[in-house]
Every structure is written in structure tokens, then in C-alpha cells.
Amino acid sequence: MLMSKLHQDIASFLILIIHIASFLVLIILEMCWCCRLYLLTIANLFPTALAQQYEDCLLFAWAGDFFPP
């Protein structure tokens, strides 16, 4: 059975909210330098496009002088 347009819109909106929330949580966790290796491991375990974006962000932050070694 096909979902109605309203149900499709609601599902799309919820997926968008979940992606934004997960990205914000990862950014907050990434601020703690001790969490970076753990997050890189998660990004490697789940090689989706979204995880690849997280990994790219983490590697960029790792290479910068903003965080301690």
C-alpha cells in the first residue's frame, strides 16, 4: 500500500530532523578531542555517505591546530 503524500512529507521531515540532530551530536562530541578516534571508528564501521561526511569533518579538525594532539 502506498503512503499518502502527507505521510511521505512527515517521514521526510522526521528523517531530516534525525540527520540534523545526529550531526549536531557528533559535532559536540568531536569537540572533546578524546572522542575523535571513537568517532572515526564509527565512521569507518558505517561507510555511508553521511558517515563519510563526518569522517571528513573529523580529519579536517584533526589536522588543524585547534585541538590538542
N, C-alpha and C. Protein backbone atom coordinates (compact mmCIF):
# COMPACT_ATOMS: atom_id res chain seq x y z
N MET A 1 0.85 -1.19 0.00
CA MET A 1 0.00 0.00 0.00
C MET A 1 0.89 1.25 0.00
N LEU A 2 0.59 2.15 -0.87
CA LEU A 2 1.38 3.37 -0.97
C LEU A 2 1.01 4.34 0.14
N MET A 3 2.04 5.04 0.61
CA MET A 3 1.78 6.04 1.64
C MET A 3 1.18 7.28 1.00
N SER A 4 0.37 7.94 1.76
CA SER A 4 -0.21 9.18 1.24
C SER A 4 0.87 10.27 1.21
N LYS A 5 0.59 11.33 0.50
CA LYS A 5 1.54 12.44 0.38
C LYS A 5 1.87 13.03 1.75
N LEU A 6 0.88 13.13 2.61
CA LEU A 6 1.10 13.67 3.96
C LEU A 6 2.06 12.78 4.73
N HIS A 7 1.85 11.46 4.65
CA HIS A 7 2.74 10.54 5.37
C HIS A 7 4.16 10.61 4.81
N GLN A 8 4.30 10.76 3.51
CA GLN A 8 5.62 10.88 2.91
C GLN A 8 6.31 12.16 3.37
N ASP A 9 5.54 13.25 3.44
CA ASP A 9 6.12 14.52 3.90
C ASP A 9 6.56 14.43 5.36
N ILE A 10 5.74 13.80 6.18
CA ILE A 10 6.08 13.65 7.60
C ILE A 10 7.31 12.78 7.75
N ALA A 11 7.38 11.67 7.01
CA ALA A 11 8.55 10.79 7.09
C ALA A 11 9.81 11.51 6.62
N SER A 12 9.72 12.27 5.56
CA SER A 12 10.88 13.01 5.07
C SER A 12 11.33 14.05 6.10
N PHE A 13 10.39 14.72 6.72
CA PHE A 13 10.71 15.72 7.73
C PHE A 13 11.40 15.07 8.93
N LEU A 14 10.88 13.93 9.39
CA LEU A 14 11.47 13.24 10.53
C LEU A 14 12.89 12.75 10.21
N ILE A 15 13.09 12.26 9.01
CA ILE A 15 14.43 11.82 8.61
C ILE A 15 15.39 13.01 8.60
N LEU A 16 14.93 14.14 8.10
CA LEU A 16 15.76 15.34 8.09
C LEU A 16 16.13 15.76 9.51
N ILE A 17 15.16 15.76 10.41
CA ILE A 17 15.41 16.13 11.80
C ILE A 17 16.41 15.18 12.44
N ILE A 18 16.27 13.88 12.18
CA ILE A 18 17.19 12.89 12.75
C ILE A 18 18.61 13.12 12.24
N HIS A 19 18.76 13.41 10.95
CA HIS A 19 20.08 13.65 10.39
C HIS A 19 20.71 14.91 11.00
N ILE A 20 19.92 15.96 11.13
CA ILE A 20 20.46 17.20 11.71
C ILE A 20 20.85 16.97 13.16
N ALA A 21 20.00 16.29 13.92
CA ALA A 21 20.29 16.03 15.33
C ALA A 21 21.54 15.17 15.48
N SER A 22 21.66 14.13 14.67
CA SER A 22 22.84 13.27 14.77
C SER A 22 24.11 14.04 14.41
N PHE A 23 24.02 14.90 13.41
CA PHE A 23 25.19 15.70 13.04
C PHE A 23 25.59 16.64 14.18
N LEU A 24 24.61 17.27 14.81
CA LEU A 24 24.91 18.18 15.93
C LEU A 24 25.52 17.43 17.11
N VAL A 25 25.00 16.24 17.40
CA VAL A 25 25.55 15.44 18.49
C VAL A 25 27.00 15.07 18.19
N LEU A 26 27.28 14.69 16.96
CA LEU A 26 28.65 14.33 16.61
C LEU A 26 29.58 15.54 16.67
N ILE A 27 29.09 16.69 16.27
CA ILE A 27 29.92 17.91 16.37
C ILE A 27 30.24 18.20 17.83
N ILE A 28 29.26 18.08 18.71
CA ILE A 28 29.50 18.33 20.13
C ILE A 28 30.49 17.32 20.70
N LEU A 29 30.32 16.03 20.34
CA LEU A 29 31.25 15.02 20.82
C LEU A 29 32.65 15.24 20.26
N GLU A 30 32.74 15.73 19.04
CA GLU A 30 34.02 15.93 18.40
C GLU A 30 34.82 17.04 19.09
N MET A 31 34.11 17.93 19.77
CA MET A 31 34.80 18.99 20.49
C MET A 31 35.69 18.41 21.59
N CYS A 32 35.33 17.27 22.09
CA CYS A 32 36.17 16.59 23.07
C CYS A 32 37.21 15.78 22.29
N TRP A 33 38.47 16.16 22.34
CA TRP A 33 39.47 15.54 21.48
C TRP A 33 39.65 14.07 21.75
N CYS A 34 39.31 13.61 22.96
CA CYS A 34 39.47 12.20 23.27
C CYS A 34 38.41 11.33 22.57
N CYS A 35 37.35 11.95 22.04
CA CYS A 35 36.30 11.20 21.36
C CYS A 35 36.59 11.03 19.87
N ARG A 36 37.61 11.70 19.35
CA ARG A 36 37.82 11.72 17.90
C ARG A 36 38.10 10.33 17.34
N LEU A 37 38.94 9.55 18.00
CA LEU A 37 39.27 8.22 17.49
C LEU A 37 38.03 7.34 17.47
N TYR A 38 37.20 7.44 18.52
CA TYR A 38 35.97 6.67 18.58
C TYR A 38 35.04 7.04 17.42
N LEU A 39 34.90 8.32 17.13
CA LEU A 39 34.03 8.76 16.05
C LEU A 39 34.58 8.36 14.70
N LEU A 40 35.90 8.39 14.54
CA LEU A 40 36.49 7.92 13.28
C LEU A 40 36.23 6.44 13.09
N THR A 41 36.26 5.68 14.19
CA THR A 41 35.98 4.24 14.11
C THR A 41 34.54 4.02 13.68
N ILE A 42 33.60 4.79 14.23
CA ILE A 42 32.20 4.66 13.83
C ILE A 42 32.04 5.00 12.36
N ALA A 43 32.72 6.06 11.91
CA ALA A 43 32.62 6.44 10.51
C ALA A 43 33.18 5.35 9.60
N ASN A 44 34.18 4.62 10.08
CA ASN A 44 34.73 3.52 9.28
C ASN A 44 33.84 2.29 9.32
N LEU A 45 33.13 2.08 10.43
CA LEU A 45 32.25 0.91 10.53
C LEU A 45 31.00 1.06 9.69
N PHE A 46 30.55 2.29 9.51
CA PHE A 46 29.34 2.54 8.74
C PHE A 46 29.68 3.44 7.55
N PRO A 47 30.21 2.85 6.48
CA PRO A 47 30.70 3.66 5.36
C PRO A 47 29.58 4.17 4.46
N THR A 48 28.71 4.95 5.04
CA THR A 48 27.66 5.59 4.25
C THR A 48 28.12 6.99 3.88
N ALA A 49 27.36 7.62 3.03
CA ALA A 49 27.72 8.98 2.63
C ALA A 49 27.74 9.91 3.84
N LEU A 50 26.78 9.73 4.76
CA LEU A 50 26.72 10.59 5.94
C LEU A 50 27.94 10.35 6.83
N ALA A 51 28.30 9.08 7.03
CA ALA A 51 29.48 8.77 7.84
C ALA A 51 30.74 9.33 7.19
N GLN A 52 30.79 9.29 5.86
CA GLN A 52 31.95 9.84 5.16
C GLN A 52 32.06 11.34 5.40
N GLN A 53 30.93 12.03 5.45
CA GLN A 53 30.97 13.46 5.75
C GLN A 53 31.50 13.70 7.16
N TYR A 54 31.06 12.89 8.13
CA TYR A 54 31.55 13.03 9.49
C TYR A 54 33.06 12.79 9.53
N GLU A 55 33.50 11.74 8.84
CA GLU A 55 34.92 11.41 8.85
C GLU A 55 35.73 12.54 8.24
N ASP A 56 35.25 13.12 7.14
CA ASP A 56 35.96 14.23 6.52
C ASP A 56 36.06 15.41 7.48
N CYS A 57 34.98 15.70 8.18
CA CYS A 57 34.99 16.81 9.15
C CYS A 57 35.96 16.52 10.28
N LEU A 58 35.97 15.27 10.75
CA LEU A 58 36.85 14.92 11.85
C LEU A 58 38.31 14.97 11.43
N LEU A 59 38.62 14.49 10.22
CA LEU A 59 40.00 14.54 9.76
C LEU A 59 40.46 15.98 9.57
N PHE A 60 39.56 16.84 9.12
CA PHE A 60 39.90 18.25 8.97
C PHE A 60 40.22 18.86 10.33
N ALA A 61 39.40 18.55 11.34
CA ALA A 61 39.63 19.09 12.68
C ALA A 61 40.91 18.50 13.27
N TRP A 62 41.19 17.22 12.97
CA TRP A 62 42.38 16.56 13.49
C TRP A 62 43.64 17.24 12.95
N ALA A 63 43.59 17.66 11.69
CA ALA A 63 44.77 18.25 11.05
C ALA A 63 45.00 19.69 11.50
N GLY A 64 43.99 20.33 12.04
CA GLY A 64 44.13 21.72 12.43
C GLY A 64 44.85 21.88 13.76
N ASP A 65 45.21 23.11 14.06
CA ASP A 65 45.88 23.42 15.32
C ASP A 65 44.88 23.73 16.42
N PHE A 66 43.61 23.58 16.11
CA PHE A 66 42.56 23.98 17.05
C PHE A 66 42.45 23.02 18.22
N PHE A 67 42.80 21.75 18.01
CA PHE A 67 42.65 20.73 19.05
C PHE A 67 44.01 20.25 19.51
N PRO A 68 44.14 19.81 20.75
CA PRO A 68 45.41 19.26 21.22
C PRO A 68 45.71 17.93 20.54
N PRO A 69 46.97 17.51 20.50
CA PRO A 69 47.32 16.24 19.83
C PRO A 69 46.80 15.04 20.60
